[in-house]
Amino acid sequence: MNKRVVIITSAGLVIGFAEALIYYNMGKQRKGKEFNYEIPVGKELGKTLAAVAITSILTAALSSGIEKLMVEKPIPVNT
């Protein structure tokens, strides 16, 4: 497997999960209450991890495809 794809997917998983937790907690926040931080459990955690994993894999695939296009067919630069 391509090392870059693994790196991009891994970074996407870490950053994406952190982002998902922020949004999850923002959605749970009640107006006028002190901010509480929690990690979803059970099915909610599974759905969150699945969404993050899918988007991370898609990001890695898209990045890899764009990189291949740029290496194989460089964009001409007018000088």
C-alpha atoms as a PDB file:
ATOM      1  CA  MET A   1       0.000   0.000   0.000  1.00  0.00           C
ATOM      2  CA  ASN A   2       1.173   3.508  -0.780  1.00  0.00           C
ATOM      3  CA  LYS A   3       2.706   5.197   2.307  1.00  0.00           C
ATOM      4  CA  ARG A   4       1.191   8.560   1.406  1.00  0.00           C
ATOM      5  CA  VAL A   5      -2.310   7.088   1.306  1.00  0.00           C
ATOM      6  CA  VAL A   6      -1.780   5.554   4.751  1.00  0.00           C
ATOM      7  CA  ILE A   7      -0.442   8.848   6.128  1.00  0.00           C
ATOM      8  CA  ILE A   8      -3.282  10.917   4.661  1.00  0.00           C
ATOM      9  CA  THR A   9      -5.910   8.423   5.846  1.00  0.00           C
ATOM     10  CA  SER A  10      -4.426   8.283   9.355  1.00  0.00           C
ATOM     11  CA  ALA A  11      -4.189  12.050   9.654  1.00  0.00           C
ATOM     12  CA  GLY A  12      -7.737  12.345   8.338  1.00  0.00           C
ATOM     13  CA  LEU A  13      -8.975   9.866  10.934  1.00  0.00           C
ATOM     14  CA  VAL A  14      -7.362  11.733  13.830  1.00  0.00           C
ATOM     15  CA  ILE A  15      -8.360  15.216  12.718  1.00  0.00           C
ATOM     16  CA  GLY A  16     -11.779  14.100  11.476  1.00  0.00           C
ATOM     17  CA  PHE A  17     -12.616  12.350  14.740  1.00  0.00           C
ATOM     18  CA  ALA A  18     -11.558  15.413  16.748  1.00  0.00           C
ATOM     19  CA  GLU A  19     -13.733  17.582  14.499  1.00  0.00           C
ATOM     20  CA  ALA A  20     -16.669  15.177  14.828  1.00  0.00           C
ATOM     21  CA  LEU A  21     -16.376  15.275  18.627  1.00  0.00           C
ATOM     22  CA  ILE A  22     -16.424  19.075  18.585  1.00  0.00           C
ATOM     23  CA  TYR A  23     -19.584  19.108  16.459  1.00  0.00           C
ATOM     24  CA  TYR A  24     -21.169  16.367  18.577  1.00  0.00           C
ATOM     25  CA  ASN A  25     -20.595  18.366  21.743  1.00  0.00           C
ATOM     26  CA  MET A  26     -21.746  21.613  20.157  1.00  0.00           C
ATOM     27  CA  GLY A  27     -24.991  19.865  19.210  1.00  0.00           C
ATOM     28  CA  LYS A  28     -25.425  18.556  22.763  1.00  0.00           C
ATOM     29  CA  GLN A  29     -24.770  21.973  24.314  1.00  0.00           C
ATOM     30  CA  ARG A  30     -27.778  23.477  26.010  1.00  0.00           C
ATOM     31  CA  LYS A  31     -28.234  27.214  25.892  1.00  0.00           C
ATOM     32  CA  GLY A  32     -27.256  28.890  29.145  1.00  0.00           C
ATOM     33  CA  LYS A  33     -25.584  25.760  30.545  1.00  0.00           C
ATOM     34  CA  GLU A  34     -21.897  25.203  31.217  1.00  0.00           C
ATOM     35  CA  PHE A  35     -20.095  23.455  28.360  1.00  0.00           C
ATOM     36  CA  ASN A  36     -19.710  19.718  28.944  1.00  0.00           C
ATOM     37  CA  TYR A  37     -17.452  17.512  26.872  1.00  0.00           C
ATOM     38  CA  GLU A  38     -18.362  13.887  26.266  1.00  0.00           C
ATOM     39  CA  ILE A  39     -17.575  11.114  23.821  1.00  0.00           C
ATOM     40  CA  PRO A  40     -20.542   9.339  22.259  1.00  0.00           C
ATOM     41  CA  VAL A  41     -21.048   5.695  23.182  1.00  0.00           C
ATOM     42  CA  GLY A  42     -22.510   2.622  21.513  1.00  0.00           C
ATOM     43  CA  LYS A  43     -24.127   3.019  18.115  1.00  0.00           C
ATOM     44  CA  GLU A  44     -23.552   6.775  18.113  1.00  0.00           C
ATOM     45  CA  LEU A  45     -19.796   6.254  18.467  1.00  0.00           C
ATOM     46  CA  GLY A  46     -19.856   3.577  15.765  1.00  0.00           C
ATOM     47  CA  LYS A  47     -21.707   5.845  13.326  1.00  0.00           C
ATOM     48  CA  THR A  48     -19.301   8.692  14.047  1.00  0.00           C
ATOM     49  CA  LEU A  49     -16.228   6.510  13.517  1.00  0.00           C
ATOM     50  CA  ALA A  50     -17.688   5.029  10.319  1.00  0.00           C
ATOM     51  CA  ALA A  51     -18.414   8.467   8.848  1.00  0.00           C
ATOM     52  CA  VAL A  52     -14.934   9.713   9.730  1.00  0.00           C
ATOM     53  CA  ALA A  53     -13.273   6.577   8.325  1.00  0.00           C
ATOM     54  CA  ILE A  54     -15.180   6.795   5.045  1.00  0.00           C
ATOM     55  CA  THR A  55     -14.393  10.474   4.544  1.00  0.00           C
ATOM     56  CA  SER A  56     -10.733   9.894   5.447  1.00  0.00           C
ATOM     57  CA  ILE A  57     -10.404   7.104   2.891  1.00  0.00           C
ATOM     58  CA  LEU A  58     -12.123   9.227   0.248  1.00  0.00           C
ATOM     59  CA  THR A  59      -9.811  12.159   1.045  1.00  0.00           C
ATOM     60  CA  ALA A  60      -6.752   9.935   0.670  1.00  0.00           C
ATOM     61  CA  ALA A  61      -8.026   8.510  -2.630  1.00  0.00           C
ATOM     62  CA  LEU A  62      -8.829  11.968  -3.992  1.00  0.00           C
ATOM     63  CA  SER A  63      -5.446  13.344  -2.896  1.00  0.00           C
ATOM     64  CA  SER A  64      -3.657  10.406  -4.495  1.00  0.00           C
ATOM     65  CA  GLY A  65      -5.594  10.848  -7.738  1.00  0.00           C
ATOM     66  CA  ILE A  66      -4.874  14.573  -7.900  1.00  0.00           C
ATOM     67  CA  GLU A  67      -1.200  13.950  -7.190  1.00  0.00           C
ATOM     68  CA  LYS A  68      -0.983  11.377 -10.002  1.00  0.00           C
ATOM     69  CA  LEU A  69      -2.635  13.780 -12.436  1.00  0.00           C
ATOM     70  CA  MET A  70      -0.228  16.552 -11.521  1.00  0.00           C
ATOM     71  CA  VAL A  71       2.847  14.318 -11.807  1.00  0.00           C
ATOM     72  CA  GLU A  72       1.808  12.702 -15.089  1.00  0.00           C
ATOM     73  CA  LYS A  73       0.454  15.838 -16.745  1.00  0.00           C
ATOM     74  CA  PRO A  74       2.132  18.941 -15.345  1.00  0.00           C
ATOM     75  CA  ILE A  75       0.198  22.160 -15.737  1.00  0.00           C
ATOM     76  CA  PRO A  76       2.037  24.414 -18.208  1.00  0.00           C
ATOM     77  CA  VAL A  77       3.248  27.698 -16.816  1.00  0.00           C
ATOM     78  CA  ASN A  78       3.575  30.691 -19.104  1.00  0.00           C
ATOM     79  CA  THR A  79       6.821  32.536 -18.516  1.00  0.00           C
END
